[in-house]
Amino acid sequence: ALIKKYDTNRDGVLDKSEWTKMKFDYSHADVNQDGKITPAELADAFAKR
């Protein structure tokens, strides 16, 4: 749901310009440091909370 809400270019991932608009800092979710948060990376970040 978060990706659908903030994915303004509709490419299925959140790039840095999109995730910085979110209420909380999710930069830690970008595990491979490619500047994009995939659904799998986001799910993994929530699982580790």
C-alpha atoms as a PDB file:
ATOM      1  CA  ALA A   1       0.000   0.000   0.000  1.00  0.00           C
ATOM      2  CA  LEU A   2       2.860   2.409   0.751  1.00  0.00           C
ATOM      3  CA  ILE A   3       4.452   1.869  -2.613  1.00  0.00           C
ATOM      4  CA  LYS A   4       1.169   2.481  -4.440  1.00  0.00           C
ATOM      5  CA  LYS A   5       0.612   5.655  -2.422  1.00  0.00           C
ATOM      6  CA  TYR A   6       4.056   7.195  -2.952  1.00  0.00           C
ATOM      7  CA  ASP A   7       5.142   5.708  -6.300  1.00  0.00           C
ATOM      8  CA  THR A   8       4.373   8.807  -8.343  1.00  0.00           C
ATOM      9  CA  ASN A   9       6.013   7.570 -11.548  1.00  0.00           C
ATOM     10  CA  ARG A  10       4.262   4.183 -11.233  1.00  0.00           C
ATOM     11  CA  ASP A  11       7.361   2.050 -11.844  1.00  0.00           C
ATOM     12  CA  GLY A  12       6.618  -0.315  -8.951  1.00  0.00           C
ATOM     13  CA  VAL A  13       9.483   0.849  -6.723  1.00  0.00           C
ATOM     14  CA  LEU A  14      10.186   3.911  -4.612  1.00  0.00           C
ATOM     15  CA  ASP A  15      13.116   6.019  -5.661  1.00  0.00           C
ATOM     16  CA  LYS A  16      14.779   8.451  -3.273  1.00  0.00           C
ATOM     17  CA  SER A  17      12.703  11.436  -4.390  1.00  0.00           C
ATOM     18  CA  GLU A  18       9.549   9.450  -3.600  1.00  0.00           C
ATOM     19  CA  TRP A  19      10.536   7.903  -0.267  1.00  0.00           C
ATOM     20  CA  THR A  20      11.769  11.215   1.136  1.00  0.00           C
ATOM     21  CA  LYS A  21       8.163  12.455   0.949  1.00  0.00           C
ATOM     22  CA  MET A  22       7.055   9.745   3.363  1.00  0.00           C
ATOM     23  CA  LYS A  23       6.357  10.501   7.023  1.00  0.00           C
ATOM     24  CA  PHE A  24       9.158   8.238   8.280  1.00  0.00           C
ATOM     25  CA  ASP A  25      12.700   7.722   7.004  1.00  0.00           C
ATOM     26  CA  TYR A  26      12.805   4.465   5.050  1.00  0.00           C
ATOM     27  CA  SER A  27      16.302   4.904   3.629  1.00  0.00           C
ATOM     28  CA  HIS A  28      17.435   1.884   5.680  1.00  0.00           C
ATOM     29  CA  ALA A  29      15.114  -0.272   3.565  1.00  0.00           C
ATOM     30  CA  ASP A  30      17.290   0.312   0.489  1.00  0.00           C
ATOM     31  CA  VAL A  31      19.478  -2.647   1.403  1.00  0.00           C
ATOM     32  CA  ASN A  32      21.440  -2.829  -1.847  1.00  0.00           C
ATOM     33  CA  GLN A  33      21.957   0.972  -1.897  1.00  0.00           C
ATOM     34  CA  ASP A  34      20.722   1.380  -5.475  1.00  0.00           C
ATOM     35  CA  GLY A  35      18.547   4.402  -4.685  1.00  0.00           C
ATOM     36  CA  LYS A  36      15.313   2.425  -4.982  1.00  0.00           C
ATOM     37  CA  ILE A  37      13.163   0.565  -2.478  1.00  0.00           C
ATOM     38  CA  THR A  38      11.495  -2.497  -3.952  1.00  0.00           C
ATOM     39  CA  PRO A  39       8.388  -4.120  -2.483  1.00  0.00           C
ATOM     40  CA  ALA A  40      10.607  -6.960  -1.190  1.00  0.00           C
ATOM     41  CA  GLU A  41      13.008  -4.531   0.509  1.00  0.00           C
ATOM     42  CA  LEU A  42      10.110  -2.664   2.110  1.00  0.00           C
ATOM     43  CA  ALA A  43       8.497  -5.889   3.340  1.00  0.00           C
ATOM     44  CA  ASP A  44      11.828  -7.010   4.796  1.00  0.00           C
ATOM     45  CA  ALA A  45      12.254  -3.672   6.583  1.00  0.00           C
ATOM     46  CA  PHE A  46       8.803  -4.005   8.163  1.00  0.00           C
ATOM     47  CA  ALA A  47       9.513  -7.598   9.194  1.00  0.00           C
ATOM     48  CA  LYS A  48      12.643  -6.468  11.049  1.00  0.00           C
ATOM     49  CA  ARG A  49      10.841  -3.772  13.074  1.00  0.00           C
END
